[in-house]
Amino acid sequence: MTCTQTLSRAVLTGMILLLASQSVRAQHMQQIPGATLSQLAVGSPWNIWGLNSAHQIFRFNPGSHTFTQVSGLLVQIAVGGGNMQQPDAIWGVNSNQQIFQFSSGSWVQVSGLLTSISVGTGHGGCYPYEVWGVNSSHQAWRFNNCTGKWEVGVSGFGSVTSSGAEVWAIGTNGNVYRFNFSTLAFEQMPSTMYQIAIAGGGGAVFGLHTAFPNSIIYEFNVGTQNWFQVPGSVRTLSAGGNEVWGINRNNVLLKLSPTSQTWTSFPGSYSQVIVGNGGGGVWTIDFSGNVYTFVTP
């Protein structure tokens, strides 16, 4: 190899590294002016909702790039289940554990009482969406759209996560369960977790296991029906589409690369990260309630 060839290769390598570095720097969290929220729920780009500390409801307008207040008060809101044929479903619960569905521009009360709710992709028929909730008695309930009533009612659950086409639950004792749509029953999975995050469209399932002073990250292997450890440690996870994000105990925002199983950090200090399954992107909230969205120029 000649000196000219060696120099050309060095210059080319330097340019590639520079462009890669610039690309990483170009990706950043952009603040949404005027928004101060305590919770976000993200579906498609047209269904990004939030609540503030006073339980007031806000909806993001992608045209004006601002949040606009919507009537009503909720303590939790859930968005999801949309596809090319149907929009996202928007559900919520208020401080009295009453349940509401957003329909035709207003909130419609649904029978029953829940303390938390989750919405994912439906399985057709009476289940255009997989709407699940947990009540104050730790019972997990599934909404039947044909009867307008809740069913299943299995006891002993602390949380249910409906996302993509999957439904997973964590028991009050930390045991992990996966809902089998063939048998219509929850099946216990190995290990214990305190959080489950599901990537949409039949994507990967992640879990966080407590191991003081840090948590251990696991991904579920469908082939072995068991978990394998993912390097790193975060205190909270969010997944959607092919994206997996987390925040560690130093409140640093991190993005997981599935191929290399490594994490990329981003500047700032955040309390929450939310990833939409319907293409709504990645959103964060800092400790002052300021809202940010991930921008890739």
C-alpha atoms as a PDB file:
ATOM      1  CA  MET A   1       0.000   0.000   0.000  1.00  0.00           C
ATOM      2  CA  THR A   2       1.374   3.380  -0.989  1.00  0.00           C
ATOM      3  CA  CYS A   3       1.662   6.360   1.338  1.00  0.00           C
ATOM      4  CA  THR A   4      -1.061   8.087  -0.702  1.00  0.00           C
ATOM      5  CA  GLN A   5      -3.413   5.111  -0.211  1.00  0.00           C
ATOM      6  CA  THR A   6      -2.659   5.009   3.507  1.00  0.00           C
ATOM      7  CA  LEU A   7      -3.313   8.736   3.841  1.00  0.00           C
ATOM      8  CA  SER A   8      -6.563   8.465   1.842  1.00  0.00           C
ATOM      9  CA  ARG A   9      -7.801   5.616   4.019  1.00  0.00           C
ATOM     10  CA  ALA A  10      -6.942   7.560   7.199  1.00  0.00           C
ATOM     11  CA  VAL A  11      -8.786  10.625   5.901  1.00  0.00           C
ATOM     12  CA  LEU A  12     -11.835   8.497   4.954  1.00  0.00           C
ATOM     13  CA  THR A  13     -11.862   6.812   8.372  1.00  0.00           C
ATOM     14  CA  GLY A  14     -11.650  10.186  10.077  1.00  0.00           C
ATOM     15  CA  MET A  15     -14.530  11.530   8.022  1.00  0.00           C
ATOM     16  CA  ILE A  16     -16.707   8.516   8.891  1.00  0.00           C
ATOM     17  CA  LEU A  17     -15.956   8.901  12.597  1.00  0.00           C
ATOM     18  CA  LEU A  18     -16.664  12.646  12.400  1.00  0.00           C
ATOM     19  CA  LEU A  19     -19.993  12.112  10.649  1.00  0.00           C
ATOM     20  CA  ALA A  20     -20.985   9.432  13.161  1.00  0.00           C
ATOM     21  CA  SER A  21     -20.068  11.753  16.023  1.00  0.00           C
ATOM     22  CA  GLN A  22     -22.054  14.599  14.474  1.00  0.00           C
ATOM     23  CA  SER A  23     -25.042  12.277  13.947  1.00  0.00           C
ATOM     24  CA  VAL A  24     -25.055  11.277  17.618  1.00  0.00           C
ATOM     25  CA  ARG A  25     -24.768  14.920  18.713  1.00  0.00           C
ATOM     26  CA  ALA A  26     -27.582  15.919  16.335  1.00  0.00           C
ATOM     27  CA  GLN A  27     -29.954  13.554  18.090  1.00  0.00           C
ATOM     28  CA  HIS A  28     -31.257  15.292  21.178  1.00  0.00           C
ATOM     29  CA  MET A  29     -34.213  15.878  23.472  1.00  0.00           C
ATOM     30  CA  GLN A  30     -36.104  19.004  22.400  1.00  0.00           C
ATOM     31  CA  GLN A  31     -38.224  20.808  25.000  1.00  0.00           C
ATOM     32  CA  ILE A  32     -41.900  21.474  24.268  1.00  0.00           C
ATOM     33  CA  PRO A  33     -42.527  25.104  25.362  1.00  0.00           C
ATOM     34  CA  GLY A  34     -45.302  25.806  27.826  1.00  0.00           C
ATOM     35  CA  ALA A  35     -45.847  22.185  28.890  1.00  0.00           C
ATOM     36  CA  THR A  36     -45.590  21.187  32.556  1.00  0.00           C
ATOM     37  CA  LEU A  37     -46.816  17.629  33.058  1.00  0.00           C
ATOM     38  CA  SER A  38     -46.487  14.779  35.526  1.00  0.00           C
ATOM     39  CA  GLN A  39     -47.486  11.918  33.215  1.00  0.00           C
ATOM     40  CA  LEU A  40     -47.478  11.105  29.496  1.00  0.00           C
ATOM     41  CA  ALA A  41     -49.148   8.425  27.376  1.00  0.00           C
ATOM     42  CA  VAL A  42     -47.939   8.005  23.792  1.00  0.00           C
ATOM     43  CA  GLY A  43     -49.534   6.215  20.851  1.00  0.00           C
ATOM     44  CA  SER A  44     -49.418   7.578  17.293  1.00  0.00           C
ATOM     45  CA  PRO A  45     -48.123  11.103  16.518  1.00  0.00           C
ATOM     46  CA  TRP A  46     -51.779  12.244  16.718  1.00  0.00           C
ATOM     47  CA  ASN A  47     -52.434  10.683  20.108  1.00  0.00           C
ATOM     48  CA  ILE A  48     -49.964  11.958  22.652  1.00  0.00           C
ATOM     49  CA  TRP A  49     -51.678  12.778  25.922  1.00  0.00           C
ATOM     50  CA  GLY A  50     -50.573  14.029  29.325  1.00  0.00           C
ATOM     51  CA  LEU A  51     -51.692  14.903  32.829  1.00  0.00           C
ATOM     52  CA  ASN A  52     -50.396  17.606  35.127  1.00  0.00           C
ATOM     53  CA  SER A  53     -50.047  17.519  38.900  1.00  0.00           C
ATOM     54  CA  ALA A  54     -53.603  18.868  39.255  1.00  0.00           C
ATOM     55  CA  HIS A  55     -54.890  15.882  37.208  1.00  0.00           C
ATOM     56  CA  GLN A  56     -55.855  18.136  34.294  1.00  0.00           C
ATOM     57  CA  ILE A  57     -55.747  16.516  30.849  1.00  0.00           C
ATOM     58  CA  PHE A  58     -53.724  17.713  27.854  1.00  0.00           C
ATOM     59  CA  ARG A  59     -53.391  16.549  24.254  1.00  0.00           C
ATOM     60  CA  PHE A  60     -50.440  17.278  21.981  1.00  0.00           C
ATOM     61  CA  ASN A  61     -51.144  19.124  18.741  1.00  0.00           C
ATOM     62  CA  PRO A  62     -48.442  18.079  16.228  1.00  0.00           C
ATOM     63  CA  GLY A  63     -49.345  21.026  13.988  1.00  0.00           C
ATOM     64  CA  SER A  64     -48.752  23.771  16.560  1.00  0.00           C
ATOM     65  CA  HIS A  65     -46.260  21.641  18.550  1.00  0.00           C
ATOM     66  CA  THR A  66     -48.065  22.493  21.784  1.00  0.00           C
ATOM     67  CA  PHE A  67     -50.230  20.761  24.381  1.00  0.00           C
ATOM     68  CA  THR A  68     -53.870  21.854  24.567  1.00  0.00           C
ATOM     69  CA  GLN A  69     -56.046  21.260  27.630  1.00  0.00           C
ATOM     70  CA  VAL A  70     -58.966  18.834  27.297  1.00  0.00           C
ATOM     71  CA  SER A  71     -61.911  18.844  29.712  1.00  0.00           C
ATOM     72  CA  GLY A  72     -61.922  16.377  32.592  1.00  0.00           C
ATOM     73  CA  LEU A  73     -59.711  15.191  35.439  1.00  0.00           C
ATOM     74  CA  LEU A  74     -57.773  11.909  35.547  1.00  0.00           C
ATOM     75  CA  VAL A  75     -55.070  10.375  37.718  1.00  0.00           C
ATOM     76  CA  GLN A  76     -53.910   7.958  34.998  1.00  0.00           C
ATOM     77  CA  ILE A  77     -54.265   7.875  31.222  1.00  0.00           C
ATOM     78  CA  ALA A  78     -53.461   5.092  28.732  1.00  0.00           C
ATOM     79  CA  VAL A  79     -53.161   5.280  24.933  1.00  0.00           C
ATOM     80  CA  GLY A  80     -52.542   2.526  22.390  1.00  0.00           C
ATOM     81  CA  GLY A  81     -53.795  -0.211  20.122  1.00  0.00           C
ATOM     82  CA  GLY A  82     -54.006   1.836  16.946  1.00  0.00           C
ATOM     83  CA  ASN A  83     -53.140   0.521  13.469  1.00  0.00           C
ATOM     84  CA  MET A  84     -53.777   1.326   9.807  1.00  0.00           C
ATOM     85  CA  GLN A  85     -57.460   0.415  10.190  1.00  0.00           C
ATOM     86  CA  GLN A  86     -58.289   2.028  13.506  1.00  0.00           C
ATOM     87  CA  PRO A  87     -57.082   4.924  15.684  1.00  0.00           C
ATOM     88  CA  ASP A  88     -55.589   4.589  19.138  1.00  0.00           C
ATOM     89  CA  ALA A  89     -57.884   3.977  22.079  1.00  0.00           C
ATOM     90  CA  ILE A  90     -57.677   6.500  24.939  1.00  0.00           C
ATOM     91  CA  TRP A  91     -58.741   5.391  28.413  1.00  0.00           C
ATOM     92  CA  GLY A  92     -58.285   6.802  31.891  1.00  0.00           C
ATOM     93  CA  VAL A  93     -59.213   6.511  35.548  1.00  0.00           C
ATOM     94  CA  ASN A  94     -59.954   9.339  37.979  1.00  0.00           C
ATOM     95  CA  SER A  95     -59.298   9.795  41.691  1.00  0.00           C
ATOM     96  CA  ASN A  96     -62.556   7.962  42.492  1.00  0.00           C
ATOM     97  CA  GLN A  97     -61.348   4.946  40.473  1.00  0.00           C
ATOM     98  CA  GLN A  98     -64.037   5.622  37.869  1.00  0.00           C
ATOM     99  CA  ILE A  99     -63.197   4.554  34.304  1.00  0.00           C
ATOM    100  CA  PHE A 100     -63.510   6.701  31.179  1.00  0.00           C
ATOM    101  CA  GLN A 101     -63.041   6.196  27.459  1.00  0.00           C
ATOM    102  CA  PHE A 102     -62.416   9.119  25.105  1.00  0.00           C
ATOM    103  CA  SER A 103     -64.915   8.838  22.256  1.00  0.00           C
ATOM    104  CA  SER A 104     -66.060  11.353  19.618  1.00  0.00           C
ATOM    105  CA  GLY A 105     -64.322  14.230  21.369  1.00  0.00           C
ATOM    106  CA  SER A 106     -65.557  13.645  24.920  1.00  0.00           C
ATOM    107  CA  TRP A 107     -65.075  11.335  27.900  1.00  0.00           C
ATOM    108  CA  VAL A 108     -67.641   8.537  28.298  1.00  0.00           C
ATOM    109  CA  GLN A 109     -67.838   6.732  31.638  1.00  0.00           C
ATOM    110  CA  VAL A 110     -67.509   2.940  31.541  1.00  0.00           C
ATOM    111  CA  SER A 111     -68.892   0.703  34.278  1.00  0.00           C
ATOM    112  CA  GLY A 112     -66.541  -0.621  36.925  1.00  0.00           C
ATOM    113  CA  LEU A 113     -63.772   0.670  39.179  1.00  0.00           C
ATOM    114  CA  LEU A 114     -60.027   0.487  38.530  1.00  0.00           C
ATOM    115  CA  THR A 115     -56.855   1.953  39.998  1.00  0.00           C
ATOM    116  CA  SER A 116     -54.773   1.521  36.811  1.00  0.00           C
ATOM    117  CA  ILE A 117     -55.390   0.834  33.132  1.00  0.00           C
ATOM    118  CA  SER A 118     -53.362  -0.236  30.080  1.00  0.00           C
ATOM    119  CA  VAL A 119     -54.220  -0.379  26.355  1.00  0.00           C
ATOM    120  CA  GLY A 120     -52.626  -2.495  23.634  1.00  0.00           C
ATOM    121  CA  THR A 121     -53.263  -4.031  20.226  1.00  0.00           C
ATOM    122  CA  GLY A 122     -56.497  -6.008  19.977  1.00  0.00           C
ATOM    123  CA  HIS A 123     -57.129  -9.575  18.838  1.00  0.00           C
ATOM    124  CA  GLY A 124     -60.290  -8.921  16.836  1.00  0.00           C
ATOM    125  CA  GLY A 125     -63.958  -9.600  17.448  1.00  0.00           C
ATOM    126  CA  CYS A 126     -65.045  -8.304  20.825  1.00  0.00           C
ATOM    127  CA  TYR A 127     -61.458  -7.186  21.493  1.00  0.00           C
ATOM    128  CA  PRO A 128     -60.526  -4.511  18.928  1.00  0.00           C
ATOM    129  CA  TYR A 129     -58.157  -3.310  21.660  1.00  0.00           C
ATOM    130  CA  GLU A 130     -56.650  -5.157  24.597  1.00  0.00           C
ATOM    131  CA  VAL A 131     -57.857  -2.938  27.440  1.00  0.00           C
ATOM    132  CA  TRP A 132     -56.794  -4.236  30.851  1.00  0.00           C
ATOM    133  CA  GLY A 133     -56.914  -2.834  34.348  1.00  0.00           C
ATOM    134  CA  VAL A 134     -56.257  -3.639  37.985  1.00  0.00           C
ATOM    135  CA  ASN A 135     -58.654  -2.700  40.784  1.00  0.00           C
ATOM    136  CA  SER A 136     -58.050  -1.917  44.451  1.00  0.00           C
ATOM    137  CA  SER A 137     -58.507  -5.604  45.312  1.00  0.00           C
ATOM    138  CA  HIS A 138     -55.556  -6.490  43.019  1.00  0.00           C
ATOM    139  CA  GLN A 139     -57.808  -8.183  40.459  1.00  0.00           C
ATOM    140  CA  ALA A 140     -56.872  -8.023  36.764  1.00  0.00           C
ATOM    141  CA  TRP A 141     -59.750  -7.312  34.375  1.00  0.00           C
ATOM    142  CA  ARG A 142     -60.113  -7.411  30.557  1.00  0.00           C
ATOM    143  CA  PHE A 143     -62.683  -5.269  28.751  1.00  0.00           C
ATOM    144  CA  ASN A 144     -65.164  -7.016  26.425  1.00  0.00           C
ATOM    145  CA  ASN A 145     -66.234  -4.517  23.789  1.00  0.00           C
ATOM    146  CA  CYS A 146     -69.303  -6.583  22.807  1.00  0.00           C
ATOM    147  CA  THR A 147     -70.842  -6.718  26.268  1.00  0.00           C
ATOM    148  CA  GLY A 148     -69.337  -3.440  27.526  1.00  0.00           C
ATOM    149  CA  LYS A 149     -68.266  -5.283  30.667  1.00  0.00           C
ATOM    150  CA  TRP A 150     -65.081  -6.435  32.356  1.00  0.00           C
ATOM    151  CA  GLU A 151     -64.112 -10.102  32.527  1.00  0.00           C
ATOM    152  CA  VAL A 152     -61.361 -12.444  33.810  1.00  0.00           C
ATOM    153  CA  GLY A 153     -61.078 -10.900  37.301  1.00  0.00           C
ATOM    154  CA  VAL A 154     -57.997 -12.864  38.369  1.00  0.00           C
ATOM    155  CA  SER A 155     -56.728 -11.970  41.847  1.00  0.00           C
ATOM    156  CA  GLY A 156     -53.232 -11.324  43.128  1.00  0.00           C
ATOM    157  CA  PHE A 157     -51.917  -8.808  40.583  1.00  0.00           C
ATOM    158  CA  GLY A 158     -50.108  -5.555  41.229  1.00  0.00           C
ATOM    159  CA  SER A 159     -49.953  -4.393  37.601  1.00  0.00           C
ATOM    160  CA  VAL A 160     -50.904  -5.415  34.056  1.00  0.00           C
ATOM    161  CA  THR A 161     -49.091  -4.222  30.932  1.00  0.00           C
ATOM    162  CA  SER A 162     -50.968  -4.407  27.631  1.00  0.00           C
ATOM    163  CA  SER A 163     -48.741  -3.328  24.775  1.00  0.00           C
ATOM    164  CA  GLY A 164     -48.415  -4.419  21.182  1.00  0.00           C
ATOM    165  CA  ALA A 165     -50.142  -7.797  21.003  1.00  0.00           C
ATOM    166  CA  GLU A 166     -48.862  -8.946  24.403  1.00  0.00           C
ATOM    167  CA  VAL A 167     -50.333  -8.818  27.907  1.00  0.00           C
ATOM    168  CA  TRP A 168     -48.054  -9.416  30.888  1.00  0.00           C
ATOM    169  CA  ALA A 169     -48.701  -9.000  34.595  1.00  0.00           C
ATOM    170  CA  ILE A 170     -46.743  -8.771  37.824  1.00  0.00           C
ATOM    171  CA  GLY A 171     -48.205 -10.336  40.937  1.00  0.00           C
ATOM    172  CA  THR A 172     -48.298  -8.641  44.295  1.00  0.00           C
ATOM    173  CA  ASN A 173     -45.452 -11.001  45.263  1.00  0.00           C
ATOM    174  CA  GLY A 174     -43.362 -10.041  42.216  1.00  0.00           C
ATOM    175  CA  ASN A 175     -44.082 -13.173  40.189  1.00  0.00           C
ATOM    176  CA  VAL A 176     -44.383 -12.629  36.434  1.00  0.00           C
ATOM    177  CA  TYR A 177     -47.295 -13.820  34.278  1.00  0.00           C
ATOM    178  CA  ARG A 178     -48.076 -13.848  30.565  1.00  0.00           C
ATOM    179  CA  PHE A 179     -51.642 -13.987  29.257  1.00  0.00           C
ATOM    180  CA  ASN A 180     -52.297 -16.932  26.922  1.00  0.00           C
ATOM    181  CA  PHE A 181     -54.921 -15.926  24.372  1.00  0.00           C
ATOM    182  CA  SER A 182     -55.566 -19.575  23.478  1.00  0.00           C
ATOM    183  CA  THR A 183     -56.424 -20.709  26.995  1.00  0.00           C
ATOM    184  CA  LEU A 184     -57.566 -17.247  28.182  1.00  0.00           C
ATOM    185  CA  ALA A 185     -55.486 -17.652  31.331  1.00  0.00           C
ATOM    186  CA  PHE A 186     -52.352 -16.147  32.853  1.00  0.00           C
ATOM    187  CA  GLU A 187     -49.329 -18.461  32.839  1.00  0.00           C
ATOM    188  CA  GLN A 188     -46.531 -17.947  35.331  1.00  0.00           C
ATOM    189  CA  MET A 189     -43.111 -17.175  33.871  1.00  0.00           C
ATOM    190  CA  PRO A 190     -39.723 -17.622  35.585  1.00  0.00           C
ATOM    191  CA  SER A 191     -38.221 -15.093  38.003  1.00  0.00           C
ATOM    192  CA  THR A 192     -39.656 -12.034  39.736  1.00  0.00           C
ATOM    193  CA  MET A 193     -39.767  -8.475  38.375  1.00  0.00           C
ATOM    194  CA  TYR A 194     -40.925  -5.049  39.456  1.00  0.00           C
ATOM    195  CA  GLN A 195     -41.511  -3.675  35.936  1.00  0.00           C
ATOM    196  CA  ILE A 196     -42.312  -5.091  32.486  1.00  0.00           C
ATOM    197  CA  ALA A 197     -41.782  -3.185  29.220  1.00  0.00           C
ATOM    198  CA  ILE A 198     -43.063  -4.539  25.910  1.00  0.00           C
ATOM    199  CA  ALA A 199     -41.979  -3.449  22.442  1.00  0.00           C
ATOM    200  CA  GLY A 200     -44.961  -3.301  20.073  1.00  0.00           C
ATOM    201  CA  GLY A 201     -45.941  -5.592  17.219  1.00  0.00           C
ATOM    202  CA  GLY A 202     -44.868  -8.822  18.898  1.00  0.00           C
ATOM    203  CA  GLY A 203     -41.539  -7.303  19.843  1.00  0.00           C
ATOM    204  CA  ALA A 204     -39.210  -8.024  22.725  1.00  0.00           C
ATOM    205  CA  VAL A 205     -40.286  -8.143  26.365  1.00  0.00           C
ATOM    206  CA  PHE A 206     -38.016  -6.680  29.034  1.00  0.00           C
ATOM    207  CA  GLY A 207     -38.138  -6.910  32.804  1.00  0.00           C
ATOM    208  CA  LEU A 208     -36.452  -5.178  35.729  1.00  0.00           C
ATOM    209  CA  HIS A 209     -35.430  -7.271  38.709  1.00  0.00           C
ATOM    210  CA  THR A 210     -34.507  -5.673  42.029  1.00  0.00           C
ATOM    211  CA  ALA A 211     -30.942  -6.241  43.191  1.00  0.00           C
ATOM    212  CA  PHE A 212     -29.886  -3.588  45.707  1.00  0.00           C
ATOM    213  CA  PRO A 213     -28.485  -1.039  45.108  1.00  0.00           C
ATOM    214  CA  ASN A 214     -29.180  -1.432  41.362  1.00  0.00           C
ATOM    215  CA  SER A 215     -31.700  -3.249  39.200  1.00  0.00           C
ATOM    216  CA  ILE A 216     -30.894  -6.040  36.757  1.00  0.00           C
ATOM    217  CA  ILE A 217     -32.251  -5.846  33.201  1.00  0.00           C
ATOM    218  CA  TYR A 218     -33.594  -8.987  31.536  1.00  0.00           C
ATOM    219  CA  GLU A 219     -35.012  -9.751  28.092  1.00  0.00           C
ATOM    220  CA  PHE A 220     -37.400 -12.649  27.546  1.00  0.00           C
ATOM    221  CA  ASN A 221     -36.284 -15.387  25.148  1.00  0.00           C
ATOM    222  CA  VAL A 222     -39.339 -16.879  23.436  1.00  0.00           C
ATOM    223  CA  GLY A 223     -37.379 -19.971  22.375  1.00  0.00           C
ATOM    224  CA  THR A 224     -36.184 -20.961  25.854  1.00  0.00           C
ATOM    225  CA  GLN A 225     -39.176 -19.392  27.630  1.00  0.00           C
ATOM    226  CA  ASN A 226     -36.749 -17.806  30.053  1.00  0.00           C
ATOM    227  CA  TRP A 227     -34.906 -14.546  30.681  1.00  0.00           C
ATOM    228  CA  PHE A 228     -31.364 -13.568  29.747  1.00  0.00           C
ATOM    229  CA  GLN A 229     -29.519 -10.661  31.314  1.00  0.00           C
ATOM    230  CA  VAL A 230     -28.938  -7.421  29.409  1.00  0.00           C
ATOM    231  CA  PRO A 231     -25.813  -5.443  30.385  1.00  0.00           C
ATOM    232  CA  GLY A 232     -26.282  -2.244  32.334  1.00  0.00           C
ATOM    233  CA  SER A 233     -28.656  -1.038  35.021  1.00  0.00           C
ATOM    234  CA  VAL A 234     -31.670   1.281  34.935  1.00  0.00           C
ATOM    235  CA  ARG A 235     -34.387   2.149  37.437  1.00  0.00           C
ATOM    236  CA  THR A 236     -37.162   2.370  34.812  1.00  0.00           C
ATOM    237  CA  LEU A 237     -37.686   1.107  31.260  1.00  0.00           C
ATOM    238  CA  SER A 238     -39.949   1.986  28.346  1.00  0.00           C
ATOM    239  CA  ALA A 239     -40.250   0.159  25.016  1.00  0.00           C
ATOM    240  CA  GLY A 240     -42.170   0.681  21.812  1.00  0.00           C
ATOM    241  CA  GLY A 241     -41.699  -0.472  18.233  1.00  0.00           C
ATOM    242  CA  ASN A 242     -37.997  -1.351  18.055  1.00  0.00           C
ATOM    243  CA  GLU A 243     -36.978   1.251  20.647  1.00  0.00           C
ATOM    244  CA  VAL A 244     -35.889   0.492  24.219  1.00  0.00           C
ATOM    245  CA  TRP A 245     -35.060   3.374  26.559  1.00  0.00           C
ATOM    246  CA  GLY A 246     -34.311   3.677  30.247  1.00  0.00           C
ATOM    247  CA  ILE A 247     -33.310   6.042  33.034  1.00  0.00           C
ATOM    248  CA  ASN A 248     -30.668   5.000  35.536  1.00  0.00           C
ATOM    249  CA  ARG A 249     -30.422   5.822  39.226  1.00  0.00           C
ATOM    250  CA  ASN A 250     -28.438   8.958  38.410  1.00  0.00           C
ATOM    251  CA  ASN A 251     -31.437  10.086  36.286  1.00  0.00           C
ATOM    252  CA  VAL A 252     -29.434   9.794  33.060  1.00  0.00           C
ATOM    253  CA  LEU A 253     -31.432   9.007  29.912  1.00  0.00           C
ATOM    254  CA  LEU A 254     -30.216   5.911  28.028  1.00  0.00           C
ATOM    255  CA  LYS A 255     -31.038   4.208  24.729  1.00  0.00           C
ATOM    256  CA  LEU A 256     -30.376   0.501  24.153  1.00  0.00           C
ATOM    257  CA  SER A 257     -28.841  -0.784  20.934  1.00  0.00           C
ATOM    258  CA  PRO A 258     -30.401  -4.269  20.436  1.00  0.00           C
ATOM    259  CA  THR A 259     -27.547  -5.523  18.247  1.00  0.00           C
ATOM    260  CA  SER A 260     -24.615  -4.545  20.456  1.00  0.00           C
ATOM    261  CA  GLN A 261     -26.549  -4.670  23.767  1.00  0.00           C
ATOM    262  CA  THR A 262     -24.953  -1.369  24.754  1.00  0.00           C
ATOM    263  CA  TRP A 263     -26.467   1.868  26.037  1.00  0.00           C
ATOM    264  CA  THR A 264     -26.048   5.395  24.653  1.00  0.00           C
ATOM    265  CA  SER A 265     -26.520   8.240  27.145  1.00  0.00           C
ATOM    266  CA  PHE A 266     -28.042  11.686  26.516  1.00  0.00           C
ATOM    267  CA  PRO A 267     -27.513  14.931  28.436  1.00  0.00           C
ATOM    268  CA  GLY A 268     -30.018  16.049  31.040  1.00  0.00           C
ATOM    269  CA  SER A 269     -31.713  14.733  34.167  1.00  0.00           C
ATOM    270  CA  TYR A 270     -35.100  13.042  33.753  1.00  0.00           C
ATOM    271  CA  SER A 271     -37.772  11.429  35.882  1.00  0.00           C
ATOM    272  CA  GLN A 272     -39.696   9.547  33.167  1.00  0.00           C
ATOM    273  CA  VAL A 273     -39.255   8.210  29.639  1.00  0.00           C
ATOM    274  CA  ILE A 274     -42.176   7.075  27.456  1.00  0.00           C
ATOM    275  CA  VAL A 275     -41.910   5.326  24.075  1.00  0.00           C
ATOM    276  CA  GLY A 276     -44.927   5.151  21.761  1.00  0.00           C
ATOM    277  CA  ASN A 277     -45.882   1.919  19.999  1.00  0.00           C
ATOM    278  CA  GLY A 278     -47.752   3.722  17.228  1.00  0.00           C
ATOM    279  CA  GLY A 279     -44.936   5.879  15.930  1.00  0.00           C
ATOM    280  CA  GLY A 280     -45.465   8.691  18.439  1.00  0.00           C
ATOM    281  CA  GLY A 281     -41.776   8.774  19.272  1.00  0.00           C
ATOM    282  CA  VAL A 282     -39.803   9.031  22.506  1.00  0.00           C
ATOM    283  CA  TRP A 283     -40.787  11.532  25.203  1.00  0.00           C
ATOM    284  CA  THR A 284     -39.362  12.473  28.583  1.00  0.00           C
ATOM    285  CA  ILE A 285     -40.300  14.536  31.628  1.00  0.00           C
ATOM    286  CA  ASP A 286     -37.749  16.163  33.911  1.00  0.00           C
ATOM    287  CA  PHE A 287     -38.083  16.789  37.644  1.00  0.00           C
ATOM    288  CA  SER A 288     -39.658  20.205  37.065  1.00  0.00           C
ATOM    289  CA  GLY A 289     -42.373  18.727  34.840  1.00  0.00           C
ATOM    290  CA  ASN A 290     -40.842  20.051  31.633  1.00  0.00           C
ATOM    291  CA  VAL A 291     -41.625  17.880  28.603  1.00  0.00           C
ATOM    292  CA  TYR A 292     -39.193  16.865  25.865  1.00  0.00           C
ATOM    293  CA  THR A 293     -39.366  14.830  22.665  1.00  0.00           C
ATOM    294  CA  PHE A 294     -36.528  12.998  20.948  1.00  0.00           C
ATOM    295  CA  VAL A 295     -35.456  14.669  17.709  1.00  0.00           C
ATOM    296  CA  THR A 296     -33.431  12.994  14.953  1.00  0.00           C
ATOM    297  CA  PRO A 297     -32.628  15.553  12.215  1.00  0.00           C
END
